[in-house]
N, C-alpha and C. Protein backbone atom coordinates (compact mmCIF):
# COMPACT_ATOMS: atom_id res chain seq x y z
N MET A 1 10.33 43.61 -12.91
CA MET A 1 9.75 44.61 -11.92
C MET A 1 10.77 45.18 -11.19
N LYS A 2 10.55 46.57 -10.94
CA LYS A 2 11.45 47.43 -10.21
C LYS A 2 11.50 47.00 -8.72
N TYR A 3 12.79 46.99 -8.10
CA TYR A 3 12.95 46.66 -6.75
C TYR A 3 12.80 48.00 -5.82
N ILE A 4 12.10 47.72 -4.80
CA ILE A 4 11.77 48.83 -3.79
C ILE A 4 12.25 48.43 -2.46
N SER A 5 12.43 49.37 -1.74
CA SER A 5 12.77 49.20 -0.14
C SER A 5 11.79 48.49 0.55
N ILE A 6 12.07 47.90 1.57
CA ILE A 6 11.12 47.27 2.33
C ILE A 6 10.07 48.14 3.02
N GLN A 7 10.59 49.25 3.41
CA GLN A 7 9.76 50.40 3.97
C GLN A 7 8.72 50.77 2.99
N GLU A 8 9.19 51.04 1.68
CA GLU A 8 8.31 51.32 0.65
C GLU A 8 7.25 50.30 0.27
N ALA A 9 7.55 49.10 0.43
CA ALA A 9 6.70 47.94 0.17
C ALA A 9 5.64 47.95 1.34
N ILE A 10 6.01 48.15 2.61
CA ILE A 10 5.15 48.19 3.70
C ILE A 10 4.18 49.47 3.58
N LYS A 11 4.66 50.50 3.08
CA LYS A 11 3.77 51.72 2.82
C LYS A 11 2.66 51.35 1.65
N LYS A 12 3.21 50.61 0.78
CA LYS A 12 2.31 50.26 -0.38
C LYS A 12 1.09 49.37 0.12
N GLY A 13 1.40 48.49 1.12
CA GLY A 13 0.30 47.82 1.76
C GLY A 13 -0.16 46.61 1.15
N LYS A 14 -0.22 46.41 -0.01
CA LYS A 14 -0.69 45.22 -0.87
C LYS A 14 -0.31 45.28 -2.28
N GLY A 15 -0.42 44.08 -2.74
CA GLY A 15 -0.08 43.99 -4.29
C GLY A 15 1.21 43.37 -4.60
N LYS A 16 1.74 43.23 -5.77
CA LYS A 16 2.95 42.61 -6.10
C LYS A 16 4.06 43.46 -5.89
N VAL A 17 5.24 42.99 -5.26
CA VAL A 17 6.26 43.85 -4.94
C VAL A 17 7.60 42.96 -5.20
N SER A 18 8.61 43.66 -5.56
CA SER A 18 10.01 42.99 -5.49
C SER A 18 10.98 43.86 -4.52
N ILE A 19 11.62 43.05 -3.77
CA ILE A 19 12.55 43.51 -2.76
C ILE A 19 13.78 42.84 -2.76
N ARG A 20 14.84 43.49 -2.07
CA ARG A 20 16.03 42.74 -1.93
C ARG A 20 16.65 43.04 -0.56
N GLY A 21 17.53 42.21 -0.04
CA GLY A 21 18.16 42.49 1.28
C GLY A 21 18.74 41.22 1.67
N TRP A 22 19.01 41.23 3.08
CA TRP A 22 19.85 40.20 3.71
C TRP A 22 18.87 39.38 4.54
N VAL A 23 19.05 38.09 4.67
CA VAL A 23 18.31 37.25 5.47
C VAL A 23 18.66 37.66 7.12
N TYR A 24 17.61 38.05 7.65
CA TYR A 24 17.77 38.51 9.05
C TYR A 24 17.39 37.29 10.05
N ARG A 25 16.35 36.58 9.66
CA ARG A 25 15.97 35.29 10.47
C ARG A 25 15.46 34.24 9.38
N GLU A 26 15.59 33.01 9.69
CA GLU A 26 15.00 31.99 8.94
C GLU A 26 14.58 30.83 9.76
N ARG A 27 13.32 30.35 9.45
CA ARG A 27 12.77 29.20 10.21
C ARG A 27 11.81 28.41 9.27
N GLY A 28 11.33 27.34 9.56
CA GLY A 28 10.35 26.65 8.72
C GLY A 28 10.52 25.15 8.94
N SER A 29 9.68 24.46 8.10
CA SER A 29 9.64 23.06 8.11
C SER A 29 9.81 22.49 6.79
N ASN A 30 9.46 21.32 6.52
CA ASN A 30 9.74 20.68 5.25
C ASN A 30 8.68 21.11 4.10
N LYS A 31 7.66 21.87 4.57
CA LYS A 31 6.62 22.27 3.67
C LYS A 31 6.61 23.82 3.45
N ILE A 32 7.10 24.53 4.41
CA ILE A 32 6.98 26.02 4.32
C ILE A 32 8.28 26.65 4.91
N LYS A 33 8.70 27.77 4.38
CA LYS A 33 9.88 28.49 4.96
C LYS A 33 9.57 29.87 5.12
N PHE A 34 9.84 30.36 6.32
CA PHE A 34 9.64 31.78 6.64
C PHE A 34 11.11 32.48 6.75
N ILE A 35 11.25 33.40 5.87
CA ILE A 35 12.55 34.16 5.87
C ILE A 35 12.06 35.58 6.13
N THR A 36 12.75 36.13 7.20
CA THR A 36 12.76 37.54 7.53
C THR A 36 13.77 38.33 6.88
N LEU A 37 13.56 39.13 5.97
CA LEU A 37 14.47 39.84 5.12
C LEU A 37 14.64 41.32 5.63
N ARG A 38 15.74 41.75 5.72
CA ARG A 38 16.05 43.14 6.10
C ARG A 38 16.80 43.97 5.04
N ASP A 39 16.60 45.27 5.08
CA ASP A 39 17.54 46.18 4.27
C ASP A 39 17.67 47.34 5.22
N SER A 40 18.26 48.44 4.73
CA SER A 40 18.61 49.64 5.60
C SER A 40 17.21 50.23 6.23
N THR A 41 15.94 49.89 5.73
CA THR A 41 14.88 50.68 6.02
C THR A 41 13.96 49.84 7.01
N ASN A 42 13.90 48.49 6.95
CA ASN A 42 13.01 47.79 7.89
C ASN A 42 13.21 46.34 7.69
N ILE A 43 12.44 45.47 8.28
CA ILE A 43 12.41 44.00 7.95
C ILE A 43 10.98 43.61 7.53
N ILE A 44 10.85 42.43 6.84
CA ILE A 44 9.62 41.84 6.43
C ILE A 44 9.74 40.33 6.40
N GLN A 45 8.53 39.74 6.68
CA GLN A 45 8.37 38.30 6.66
C GLN A 45 8.02 37.81 5.38
N CYS A 46 8.75 36.83 4.81
CA CYS A 46 8.57 36.36 3.43
C CYS A 46 8.20 34.87 3.56
N VAL A 47 7.17 34.31 2.96
CA VAL A 47 6.80 32.90 3.03
C VAL A 47 7.00 32.25 1.76
N LEU A 48 7.78 31.22 1.78
CA LEU A 48 7.94 30.32 0.60
C LEU A 48 7.33 29.03 0.89
N ASP A 49 6.48 28.58 -0.03
CA ASP A 49 5.65 27.39 0.09
C ASP A 49 6.31 26.42 -0.85
N ARG A 50 6.62 25.12 -0.32
CA ARG A 50 7.23 24.09 -1.02
C ARG A 50 6.69 23.74 -2.27
N THR A 51 5.19 23.83 -2.31
CA THR A 51 4.45 23.33 -3.51
C THR A 51 4.93 24.20 -4.71
N ASN A 52 5.27 25.54 -4.40
CA ASN A 52 5.59 26.47 -5.49
C ASN A 52 7.07 26.32 -5.97
N PHE A 53 7.94 25.72 -5.04
CA PHE A 53 9.42 25.70 -5.43
C PHE A 53 9.93 24.15 -5.20
N GLU A 54 9.05 23.25 -5.54
CA GLU A 54 9.59 21.84 -5.41
C GLU A 54 10.98 21.56 -5.89
N LYS A 55 11.25 21.88 -7.00
CA LYS A 55 12.47 21.70 -7.73
C LYS A 55 13.71 22.43 -7.10
N ARG A 56 13.41 23.57 -6.48
CA ARG A 56 14.53 24.45 -5.84
C ARG A 56 14.50 24.38 -4.34
N TRP A 57 13.78 23.43 -3.63
CA TRP A 57 13.61 23.39 -2.30
C TRP A 57 14.86 23.16 -1.53
N ASP A 58 15.77 22.41 -2.03
CA ASP A 58 17.22 22.21 -1.40
C ASP A 58 17.81 23.57 -1.19
N GLU A 59 17.78 24.28 -2.30
CA GLU A 59 18.41 25.70 -2.27
C GLU A 59 17.83 26.54 -1.23
N ILE A 60 16.45 26.68 -1.12
CA ILE A 60 15.71 27.37 -0.18
C ILE A 60 15.93 26.83 1.29
N ASP A 61 15.95 25.59 1.47
CA ASP A 61 16.32 25.07 2.82
C ASP A 61 17.84 25.26 3.32
N GLY A 62 18.61 25.55 2.20
CA GLY A 62 20.06 25.85 2.56
C GLY A 62 20.29 27.41 2.89
N VAL A 63 19.33 28.21 2.86
CA VAL A 63 19.45 29.51 2.98
C VAL A 63 19.81 29.83 4.42
N ARG A 64 20.81 30.61 4.79
CA ARG A 64 21.21 30.99 6.13
C ARG A 64 21.18 32.44 6.32
N ILE A 65 21.28 32.82 7.62
CA ILE A 65 21.34 34.10 8.17
C ILE A 65 22.43 34.94 7.44
N GLU A 66 22.14 36.12 6.82
CA GLU A 66 23.11 37.04 6.18
C GLU A 66 23.26 36.58 4.75
N ALA A 67 22.61 35.73 4.21
CA ALA A 67 22.56 35.48 2.76
C ALA A 67 21.88 36.67 2.17
N SER A 68 22.28 36.99 0.95
CA SER A 68 21.49 38.24 0.22
C SER A 68 20.61 37.61 -0.78
N MET A 69 19.45 38.11 -0.83
CA MET A 69 18.36 37.64 -1.70
C MET A 69 17.49 38.69 -2.45
N GLU A 70 17.04 38.37 -3.47
CA GLU A 70 16.03 39.18 -4.23
C GLU A 70 14.74 38.33 -4.28
N LEU A 71 13.74 38.96 -3.80
CA LEU A 71 12.39 38.28 -3.77
C LEU A 71 11.21 39.14 -4.40
N THR A 72 10.38 38.23 -5.04
CA THR A 72 9.09 38.91 -5.78
C THR A 72 7.96 38.13 -5.13
N GLY A 73 6.92 38.89 -4.85
CA GLY A 73 5.64 38.16 -4.44
C GLY A 73 4.59 39.11 -4.22
N ASP A 74 3.48 38.54 -3.59
CA ASP A 74 2.27 39.33 -3.23
C ASP A 74 2.44 39.77 -1.65
N LEU A 75 2.26 41.03 -1.57
CA LEU A 75 2.38 41.69 -0.25
C LEU A 75 0.86 41.70 0.32
N LYS A 76 0.73 41.27 1.58
CA LYS A 76 -0.45 41.37 2.37
C LYS A 76 -0.33 41.57 3.70
N LYS A 77 -1.36 42.16 4.43
CA LYS A 77 -1.27 42.39 5.85
C LYS A 77 -1.47 41.13 6.61
N ASP A 78 -0.63 40.97 7.63
CA ASP A 78 -0.67 39.77 8.47
C ASP A 78 -0.30 40.13 9.90
N GLU A 79 -1.20 40.30 10.83
CA GLU A 79 -0.83 40.59 12.14
C GLU A 79 0.26 39.74 12.92
N ARG A 80 0.39 38.58 12.41
CA ARG A 80 1.27 37.64 13.01
C ARG A 80 2.88 38.00 12.64
N ALA A 81 2.97 38.66 11.56
CA ALA A 81 4.20 39.04 11.08
C ALA A 81 4.93 39.97 11.91
N PRO A 82 6.20 40.01 11.90
CA PRO A 82 7.03 41.03 12.84
C PRO A 82 6.54 42.52 12.64
N THR A 83 6.41 42.95 11.29
CA THR A 83 6.06 44.26 10.96
C THR A 83 4.66 44.35 10.67
N GLY A 84 3.74 43.28 10.66
CA GLY A 84 2.41 43.32 10.42
C GLY A 84 2.18 43.01 8.88
N TYR A 85 3.11 42.83 8.02
CA TYR A 85 2.97 42.44 6.63
C TYR A 85 3.89 41.43 6.32
N GLU A 86 3.46 40.58 5.24
CA GLU A 86 4.28 39.48 4.82
C GLU A 86 4.13 39.37 3.35
N ILE A 87 5.07 38.70 2.73
CA ILE A 87 5.11 38.51 1.20
C ILE A 87 4.96 37.07 0.97
N GLN A 88 4.00 36.74 0.23
CA GLN A 88 3.90 35.35 -0.39
C GLN A 88 4.86 35.29 -1.64
N VAL A 89 5.98 34.72 -1.44
CA VAL A 89 6.96 34.67 -2.55
C VAL A 89 6.58 33.79 -3.74
N THR A 90 6.66 34.47 -4.93
CA THR A 90 6.47 33.83 -6.13
C THR A 90 7.68 33.52 -6.99
N ASP A 91 8.69 34.24 -6.71
CA ASP A 91 9.97 34.15 -7.38
C ASP A 91 11.19 34.62 -6.40
N TYR A 92 12.31 34.00 -6.49
CA TYR A 92 13.39 34.46 -5.66
C TYR A 92 14.78 34.30 -6.41
N LYS A 93 15.73 34.84 -5.84
CA LYS A 93 17.09 34.59 -6.28
C LYS A 93 18.07 34.74 -5.10
N VAL A 94 18.79 33.80 -4.97
CA VAL A 94 19.88 34.00 -3.90
C VAL A 94 21.04 34.54 -4.54
N VAL A 95 21.38 35.88 -4.14
CA VAL A 95 22.45 36.64 -4.80
C VAL A 95 23.83 36.19 -4.19
N GLY A 96 23.84 36.01 -2.91
CA GLY A 96 24.98 35.66 -2.28
C GLY A 96 24.74 34.72 -0.97
N GLU A 97 25.34 33.56 -0.99
CA GLU A 97 25.28 32.65 0.13
C GLU A 97 25.91 33.22 1.40
N SER A 98 25.67 32.49 2.52
CA SER A 98 26.34 32.95 3.72
C SER A 98 26.84 31.60 4.61
N ASP A 99 27.82 31.80 5.19
CA ASP A 99 28.26 30.74 6.19
C ASP A 99 27.47 30.95 7.42
N ASN A 100 27.74 30.15 8.40
CA ASN A 100 27.14 30.19 9.71
C ASN A 100 27.39 31.48 10.28
N PHE A 101 26.39 32.32 10.65
CA PHE A 101 26.53 33.50 11.27
C PHE A 101 26.87 33.32 12.73
N PRO A 102 28.06 33.88 13.28
CA PRO A 102 28.58 33.58 14.58
C PRO A 102 27.81 34.31 15.76
N ILE A 103 27.12 35.23 15.40
CA ILE A 103 26.57 36.08 16.55
C ILE A 103 25.11 35.67 16.83
N GLY A 104 24.84 35.39 18.08
CA GLY A 104 23.47 34.98 18.64
C GLY A 104 23.25 35.88 19.82
N LYS A 105 22.50 35.29 20.80
CA LYS A 105 22.09 35.93 21.96
C LYS A 105 23.15 35.69 23.00
N ASP A 106 23.21 36.74 23.95
CA ASP A 106 24.09 36.44 25.20
C ASP A 106 25.59 36.33 24.86
N PHE A 107 26.13 37.16 24.06
CA PHE A 107 27.53 37.17 23.81
C PHE A 107 28.21 38.20 24.57
N SER A 108 29.53 38.05 24.91
CA SER A 108 30.18 39.04 25.67
C SER A 108 30.56 40.32 24.85
N LYS A 109 30.59 41.40 25.44
CA LYS A 109 31.12 42.66 24.78
C LYS A 109 32.51 42.58 23.91
N GLU A 110 33.42 41.71 24.47
CA GLU A 110 34.59 41.48 23.87
C GLU A 110 34.30 40.73 22.60
N PHE A 111 33.47 39.69 22.55
CA PHE A 111 33.28 38.86 21.41
C PHE A 111 32.59 39.81 20.39
N LEU A 112 31.57 40.59 20.80
CA LEU A 112 30.94 41.33 19.79
C LEU A 112 31.78 42.40 19.20
N LEU A 113 32.76 42.92 20.00
CA LEU A 113 33.83 43.98 19.48
C LEU A 113 34.75 43.31 18.48
N ASP A 114 35.12 42.06 18.82
CA ASP A 114 35.91 41.27 17.89
C ASP A 114 35.33 41.04 16.58
N ASN A 115 34.05 40.91 16.62
CA ASN A 115 33.21 40.63 15.46
C ASN A 115 32.27 41.98 15.00
N ARG A 116 32.88 43.09 15.29
CA ARG A 116 32.16 44.31 15.07
C ARG A 116 31.55 44.43 13.71
N HIS A 117 32.21 44.02 12.69
CA HIS A 117 31.75 44.26 11.27
C HIS A 117 30.46 43.35 11.07
N LEU A 118 30.20 42.48 11.87
CA LEU A 118 29.06 41.58 11.84
C LEU A 118 27.99 42.15 12.71
N TRP A 119 28.48 42.67 13.98
CA TRP A 119 27.56 43.13 15.01
C TRP A 119 26.79 44.30 14.49
N LEU A 120 27.41 45.14 13.66
CA LEU A 120 26.97 46.41 13.17
C LEU A 120 25.66 46.08 12.24
N ARG A 121 25.36 44.95 11.93
CA ARG A 121 24.23 44.55 11.09
C ARG A 121 22.99 44.20 11.99
N SER A 122 23.11 44.25 13.18
CA SER A 122 22.02 44.03 14.10
C SER A 122 21.09 45.25 14.14
N ARG A 123 19.86 45.00 14.30
CA ARG A 123 18.76 46.08 14.43
C ARG A 123 19.15 47.13 15.48
N LYS A 124 19.73 46.78 16.66
CA LYS A 124 19.99 47.68 17.58
C LYS A 124 21.19 48.60 17.07
N MET A 125 22.28 48.13 16.50
CA MET A 125 23.28 48.87 16.12
C MET A 125 22.92 49.79 14.97
N VAL A 126 22.07 49.26 14.06
CA VAL A 126 21.59 50.07 12.96
C VAL A 126 20.91 51.27 13.42
N ALA A 127 19.87 51.01 14.46
CA ALA A 127 19.18 52.11 15.12
C ALA A 127 20.17 53.16 15.66
N ILE A 128 21.09 52.73 16.38
CA ILE A 128 22.11 53.59 17.01
C ILE A 128 22.89 54.44 15.96
N MET A 129 23.27 53.84 14.93
CA MET A 129 23.92 54.57 13.73
C MET A 129 23.08 55.53 13.16
N LYS A 130 21.78 55.35 13.05
CA LYS A 130 20.76 56.19 12.36
C LYS A 130 20.56 57.40 13.27
N ILE A 131 20.48 57.15 14.63
CA ILE A 131 20.32 58.36 15.57
C ILE A 131 21.57 59.17 15.50
N ARG A 132 22.73 58.48 15.51
CA ARG A 132 24.08 59.39 15.46
C ARG A 132 24.01 60.10 14.21
N SER A 133 23.53 59.64 13.08
CA SER A 133 23.67 60.29 11.82
C SER A 133 22.71 61.47 11.92
N THR A 134 21.55 61.28 12.50
CA THR A 134 20.57 62.32 12.59
C THR A 134 21.09 63.46 13.52
N VAL A 135 21.68 63.14 14.59
CA VAL A 135 22.23 64.12 15.51
C VAL A 135 23.41 64.83 14.77
N PHE A 136 24.30 64.23 14.23
CA PHE A 136 25.32 65.03 13.58
C PHE A 136 24.96 65.81 12.31
N GLY A 137 23.96 65.29 11.66
CA GLY A 137 23.42 66.06 10.49
C GLY A 137 22.75 67.38 11.11
N ALA A 138 22.12 67.26 12.13
CA ALA A 138 21.49 68.40 12.81
C ALA A 138 22.41 69.45 13.26
N ILE A 139 23.47 68.93 13.75
CA ILE A 139 24.61 69.86 14.24
C ILE A 139 25.24 70.57 13.12
N HIS A 140 25.48 69.73 12.09
CA HIS A 140 26.24 70.35 10.85
C HIS A 140 25.16 71.43 10.25
N GLU A 141 23.88 71.09 10.18
CA GLU A 141 22.94 72.01 9.59
C GLU A 141 22.80 73.14 10.41
N TYR A 142 22.88 73.09 11.72
CA TYR A 142 22.74 74.25 12.59
C TYR A 142 23.95 75.24 12.32
N PHE A 143 25.08 74.80 12.46
CA PHE A 143 26.26 75.60 12.17
C PHE A 143 26.43 76.10 10.75
N ARG A 144 26.00 75.41 9.80
CA ARG A 144 26.13 75.93 8.48
C ARG A 144 25.09 76.97 8.24
N ASN A 145 23.91 76.91 8.89
CA ASN A 145 22.94 78.00 8.76
C ASN A 145 23.42 79.10 9.45
N LEU A 146 24.39 79.20 10.41
CA LEU A 146 25.07 80.24 10.97
C LEU A 146 26.36 80.69 10.17
N GLU A 147 26.42 80.20 9.01
CA GLU A 147 27.50 80.37 8.06
C GLU A 147 28.95 80.08 8.67
N TYR A 148 28.90 79.02 9.48
CA TYR A 148 30.17 78.47 9.89
C TYR A 148 30.68 77.39 8.94
N HIS A 149 31.99 77.14 8.82
CA HIS A 149 32.46 76.24 7.88
C HIS A 149 33.26 75.12 8.75
N GLU A 150 33.09 73.95 8.36
CA GLU A 150 33.78 72.81 9.15
C GLU A 150 35.26 72.70 8.49
N PHE A 151 36.06 72.59 9.50
CA PHE A 151 37.55 72.49 9.08
C PHE A 151 38.03 71.19 9.72
N GLN A 152 38.78 70.41 8.89
CA GLN A 152 39.26 69.05 9.39
C GLN A 152 40.85 69.23 9.12
N SER A 153 41.37 69.39 10.34
CA SER A 153 43.00 69.68 10.41
C SER A 153 43.74 68.37 10.13
N PRO A 154 44.88 68.56 9.67
CA PRO A 154 45.73 67.45 9.62
C PRO A 154 46.20 66.93 11.02
N ILE A 155 46.48 65.71 11.26
CA ILE A 155 46.73 65.24 12.56
C ILE A 155 48.29 65.51 12.83
N ILE A 156 48.53 66.13 14.05
CA ILE A 156 49.83 66.40 14.37
C ILE A 156 50.25 65.40 15.54
N ILE A 157 51.26 64.56 15.22
CA ILE A 157 51.65 63.61 16.24
C ILE A 157 53.10 63.85 16.67
N PRO A 158 53.39 63.39 17.87
CA PRO A 158 54.68 63.58 18.47
C PRO A 158 55.84 62.99 17.81
N GLY A 159 55.57 61.69 17.23
CA GLY A 159 56.66 61.01 16.60
C GLY A 159 56.61 60.71 15.25
N GLY A 160 57.41 59.99 14.71
CA GLY A 160 57.48 59.52 13.23
C GLY A 160 56.39 58.58 12.92
N ALA A 161 56.03 58.52 11.67
CA ALA A 161 55.02 57.60 11.21
C ALA A 161 55.93 56.77 10.22
N GLU A 162 55.06 55.94 9.34
CA GLU A 162 55.67 55.06 8.37
C GLU A 162 56.55 55.81 7.48
N GLU A 163 56.21 57.09 7.03
CA GLU A 163 57.09 57.79 6.05
C GLU A 163 58.10 58.80 6.85
N GLY A 164 58.89 58.23 7.58
CA GLY A 164 59.80 59.06 8.36
C GLY A 164 60.58 60.09 7.66
N PRO A 165 61.00 59.69 6.38
CA PRO A 165 61.73 60.84 5.74
C PRO A 165 60.98 62.11 5.34
N THR A 166 59.64 62.09 5.42
CA THR A 166 58.80 63.11 4.98
C THR A 166 58.32 63.98 6.06
N LEU A 167 58.89 63.70 7.32
CA LEU A 167 58.69 64.47 8.51
C LEU A 167 59.24 65.90 8.45
N PHE A 168 58.54 66.84 8.93
CA PHE A 168 59.06 68.24 9.19
C PHE A 168 58.77 68.76 10.43
N GLU A 169 59.61 69.59 10.92
CA GLU A 169 59.32 70.13 12.25
C GLU A 169 58.32 71.36 12.27
N ILE A 170 57.47 71.35 13.45
CA ILE A 170 56.54 72.46 13.38
C ILE A 170 56.93 73.03 14.94
N LYS A 171 57.21 74.29 15.00
CA LYS A 171 57.64 75.01 16.15
C LYS A 171 56.20 75.44 16.76
N TYR A 172 55.58 74.55 17.35
CA TYR A 172 54.14 74.76 17.94
C TYR A 172 54.18 75.54 19.25
N TYR A 173 55.09 75.00 20.18
CA TYR A 173 55.06 75.71 21.42
C TYR A 173 56.18 76.69 21.63
N LYS A 174 56.88 77.08 20.73
CA LYS A 174 57.97 78.06 20.63
C LYS A 174 59.05 77.76 21.61
N PHE A 175 59.58 76.57 21.60
CA PHE A 175 60.79 76.27 22.41
C PHE A 175 61.64 75.42 21.82
């Protein structure tokens, strides 16, 4: 079956779907596991019942935040789910396992900046990046419609860089 984005699955509303993404949240008991999966479009709750995966339950129970997965199952509306839809999983594949994710609630800005590569995966940061992309896209479109061209100049620095012998002088201020 062809993989679709989570947002496409939600728009579909019901039926069999195959999605892939990263584990955003995971919780459950010894009988049922709830995995909230995310991709660049949205999140969705996925339900794995132990009776369907008895032989593979240890693998399912070992899934952690930021593991990458491919899931296939039946999509249905459920008001209790974070986005109002959930998938009753019939098949899954763990594409990439994950270690313990170090970011939780109430961390300092310094810690988050030190772990920026992980912090960028949060829904808040993804929303910020999408807004920035939209704003910059609108600015580019506006100026291109006025027949302006973007120019990215080389960087002029006052001192030498790693390749010292390749430096040349620029008489910028005429003195």
